[in-house]
Amino acid sequence: MSKRVLTGAGIWAVAVLGGYLLDPILGTAVLVFGGILLAVSFLGSAGGSTTFEERELARARKRAAAREANKGKRAKDKLRYQAEQARKAKRAARKSARAR
């Protein structure tokens, strides 16, 4: 739990006590709405949020691992593509030779 949430909880407790001393209805309103705000702030701070750079670095590592895992497939696809381009060039050369 962050220091900010603990400080808010302390202020909320003091406000609830002060509200009950002044007026029980006011104290109840402070209790309910302050409790909601405190819960929202606690849930917001409990996420362990990361920075954009940290998330991008994690994504880059994941992409690098995927590329490394598929290196053999990519090499095989590259060879197949080069063979297909060679066949196309051969066909085009034959076709142009027949057209003359």
C-alpha atoms as a PDB file:
ATOM      1  CA  MET A   1       0.000   0.000   0.000  1.00  0.00           C
ATOM      2  CA  SER A   2       1.412   3.380  -0.935  1.00  0.00           C
ATOM      3  CA  LYS A   3       2.143   6.221   1.442  1.00  0.00           C
ATOM      4  CA  ARG A   4      -0.425   8.361  -0.350  1.00  0.00           C
ATOM      5  CA  VAL A   5      -3.211   5.845   0.361  1.00  0.00           C
ATOM      6  CA  LEU A   6      -2.203   5.570   4.026  1.00  0.00           C
ATOM      7  CA  THR A   7      -2.214   9.365   4.370  1.00  0.00           C
ATOM      8  CA  GLY A   8      -5.640   9.498   2.742  1.00  0.00           C
ATOM      9  CA  ALA A   9      -6.927   6.825   5.123  1.00  0.00           C
ATOM     10  CA  GLY A  10      -5.724   8.838   8.117  1.00  0.00           C
ATOM     11  CA  ILE A  11      -7.324  12.033   6.854  1.00  0.00           C
ATOM     12  CA  TRP A  12     -10.524  10.131   6.076  1.00  0.00           C
ATOM     13  CA  ALA A  13     -10.671   8.684   9.609  1.00  0.00           C
ATOM     14  CA  VAL A  14     -10.206  12.131  11.163  1.00  0.00           C
ATOM     15  CA  ALA A  15     -12.845  13.617   8.826  1.00  0.00           C
ATOM     16  CA  VAL A  16     -15.326  10.868   9.717  1.00  0.00           C
ATOM     17  CA  LEU A  17     -14.811  11.461  13.453  1.00  0.00           C
ATOM     18  CA  GLY A  18     -15.148  15.224  13.002  1.00  0.00           C
ATOM     19  CA  GLY A  19     -18.226  14.758  10.858  1.00  0.00           C
ATOM     20  CA  TYR A  20     -19.899  12.546  13.466  1.00  0.00           C
ATOM     21  CA  LEU A  21     -19.157  15.092  16.181  1.00  0.00           C
ATOM     22  CA  LEU A  22     -20.747  17.887  14.145  1.00  0.00           C
ATOM     23  CA  ASP A  23     -23.662  15.971  12.669  1.00  0.00           C
ATOM     24  CA  PRO A  24     -24.318  12.216  12.308  1.00  0.00           C
ATOM     25  CA  ILE A  25     -25.699  12.654   8.779  1.00  0.00           C
ATOM     26  CA  LEU A  26     -22.611  14.607   7.726  1.00  0.00           C
ATOM     27  CA  GLY A  27     -20.425  11.947   9.344  1.00  0.00           C
ATOM     28  CA  THR A  28     -22.238   9.210   7.435  1.00  0.00           C
ATOM     29  CA  ALA A  29     -21.833  11.079   4.141  1.00  0.00           C
ATOM     30  CA  VAL A  30     -18.109  11.551   4.788  1.00  0.00           C
ATOM     31  CA  LEU A  31     -17.859   7.877   5.748  1.00  0.00           C
ATOM     32  CA  VAL A  32     -19.537   6.627   2.567  1.00  0.00           C
ATOM     33  CA  PHE A  33     -18.035   8.970  -0.023  1.00  0.00           C
ATOM     34  CA  GLY A  34     -14.619   9.050   1.611  1.00  0.00           C
ATOM     35  CA  GLY A  35     -14.617   5.263   1.803  1.00  0.00           C
ATOM     36  CA  ILE A  36     -15.416   5.042  -1.896  1.00  0.00           C
ATOM     37  CA  LEU A  37     -12.615   7.474  -2.763  1.00  0.00           C
ATOM     38  CA  LEU A  38     -10.214   5.616  -0.513  1.00  0.00           C
ATOM     39  CA  ALA A  39     -11.119   2.267  -2.129  1.00  0.00           C
ATOM     40  CA  VAL A  40     -10.643   3.716  -5.613  1.00  0.00           C
ATOM     41  CA  SER A  41      -7.265   5.184  -4.701  1.00  0.00           C
ATOM     42  CA  PHE A  42      -6.185   1.889  -3.125  1.00  0.00           C
ATOM     43  CA  LEU A  43      -7.204  -0.079  -6.208  1.00  0.00           C
ATOM     44  CA  GLY A  44      -5.440   2.444  -8.432  1.00  0.00           C
ATOM     45  CA  SER A  45      -2.191   2.184  -6.506  1.00  0.00           C
ATOM     46  CA  ALA A  46      -2.282  -1.614  -6.097  1.00  0.00           C
ATOM     47  CA  GLY A  47      -1.844  -2.268  -9.823  1.00  0.00           C
ATOM     48  CA  GLY A  48       1.929  -2.042  -9.786  1.00  0.00           C
ATOM     49  CA  SER A  49       1.828   0.011 -12.963  1.00  0.00           C
ATOM     50  CA  THR A  50       4.786   0.085 -15.288  1.00  0.00           C
ATOM     51  CA  THR A  51       6.075   2.825 -17.523  1.00  0.00           C
ATOM     52  CA  PHE A  52       5.642   2.866 -21.271  1.00  0.00           C
ATOM     53  CA  GLU A  53       9.336   2.114 -21.759  1.00  0.00           C
ATOM     54  CA  GLU A  54       9.175  -0.956 -19.510  1.00  0.00           C
ATOM     55  CA  ARG A  55       6.160  -2.327 -21.396  1.00  0.00           C
ATOM     56  CA  GLU A  56       7.818  -1.699 -24.768  1.00  0.00           C
ATOM     57  CA  LEU A  57      11.008  -3.403 -23.597  1.00  0.00           C
ATOM     58  CA  ALA A  58       8.992  -6.454 -22.514  1.00  0.00           C
ATOM     59  CA  ARG A  59       7.226  -6.525 -25.896  1.00  0.00           C
ATOM     60  CA  ALA A  60      10.553  -6.233 -27.731  1.00  0.00           C
ATOM     61  CA  ARG A  61      11.968  -9.161 -25.758  1.00  0.00           C
ATOM     62  CA  LYS A  62       8.874 -11.222 -26.543  1.00  0.00           C
ATOM     63  CA  ARG A  63       9.121 -10.406 -30.268  1.00  0.00           C
ATOM     64  CA  ALA A  64      12.851 -11.270 -30.264  1.00  0.00           C
ATOM     65  CA  ALA A  65      12.114 -14.621 -28.625  1.00  0.00           C
ATOM     66  CA  ALA A  66       9.410 -15.341 -31.208  1.00  0.00           C
ATOM     67  CA  ARG A  67      11.767 -14.428 -34.076  1.00  0.00           C
ATOM     68  CA  GLU A  68      14.452 -16.663 -32.627  1.00  0.00           C
ATOM     69  CA  ALA A  69      12.008 -19.543 -32.268  1.00  0.00           C
ATOM     70  CA  ASN A  70      10.853 -19.163 -35.898  1.00  0.00           C
ATOM     71  CA  LYS A  71      14.283 -18.605 -37.429  1.00  0.00           C
ATOM     72  CA  GLY A  72      14.311 -21.986 -39.187  1.00  0.00           C
ATOM     73  CA  LYS A  73      10.855 -21.484 -40.674  1.00  0.00           C
ATOM     74  CA  ARG A  74      11.788 -18.044 -41.976  1.00  0.00           C
ATOM     75  CA  ALA A  75      14.961 -19.389 -43.605  1.00  0.00           C
ATOM     76  CA  LYS A  76      12.962 -22.183 -45.241  1.00  0.00           C
ATOM     77  CA  ASP A  77      10.342 -19.697 -46.495  1.00  0.00           C
ATOM     78  CA  LYS A  78      13.084 -17.450 -47.861  1.00  0.00           C
ATOM     79  CA  LEU A  79      14.581 -20.351 -49.837  1.00  0.00           C
ATOM     80  CA  ARG A  80      11.164 -21.283 -51.202  1.00  0.00           C
ATOM     81  CA  TYR A  81      10.524 -17.664 -52.204  1.00  0.00           C
ATOM     82  CA  GLN A  82      13.899 -17.395 -53.947  1.00  0.00           C
ATOM     83  CA  ALA A  83      13.248 -20.664 -55.794  1.00  0.00           C
ATOM     84  CA  GLU A  84       9.838 -19.403 -56.927  1.00  0.00           C
ATOM     85  CA  GLN A  85      11.359 -16.131 -58.135  1.00  0.00           C
ATOM     86  CA  ALA A  86      13.976 -18.078 -60.074  1.00  0.00           C
ATOM     87  CA  ARG A  87      11.237 -20.211 -61.694  1.00  0.00           C
ATOM     88  CA  LYS A  88       9.273 -17.083 -62.608  1.00  0.00           C
ATOM     89  CA  ALA A  89      12.357 -15.487 -64.139  1.00  0.00           C
ATOM     90  CA  LYS A  90      13.050 -18.679 -66.107  1.00  0.00           C
ATOM     91  CA  ARG A  91       9.457 -18.773 -67.406  1.00  0.00           C
ATOM     92  CA  ALA A  92       9.600 -15.107 -68.348  1.00  0.00           C
ATOM     93  CA  ALA A  93      12.883 -15.652 -70.201  1.00  0.00           C
ATOM     94  CA  ARG A  94      11.401 -18.628 -72.113  1.00  0.00           C
ATOM     95  CA  LYS A  95       8.279 -16.675 -72.910  1.00  0.00           C
ATOM     96  CA  SER A  96      10.257 -13.688 -74.227  1.00  0.00           C
ATOM     97  CA  ALA A  97      12.515 -16.040 -76.260  1.00  0.00           C
ATOM     98  CA  ARG A  98       9.425 -17.634 -77.913  1.00  0.00           C
ATOM     99  CA  ALA A  99       7.923 -14.251 -78.700  1.00  0.00           C
ATOM    100  CA  ARG A 100      10.913 -13.264 -80.862  1.00  0.00           C
END
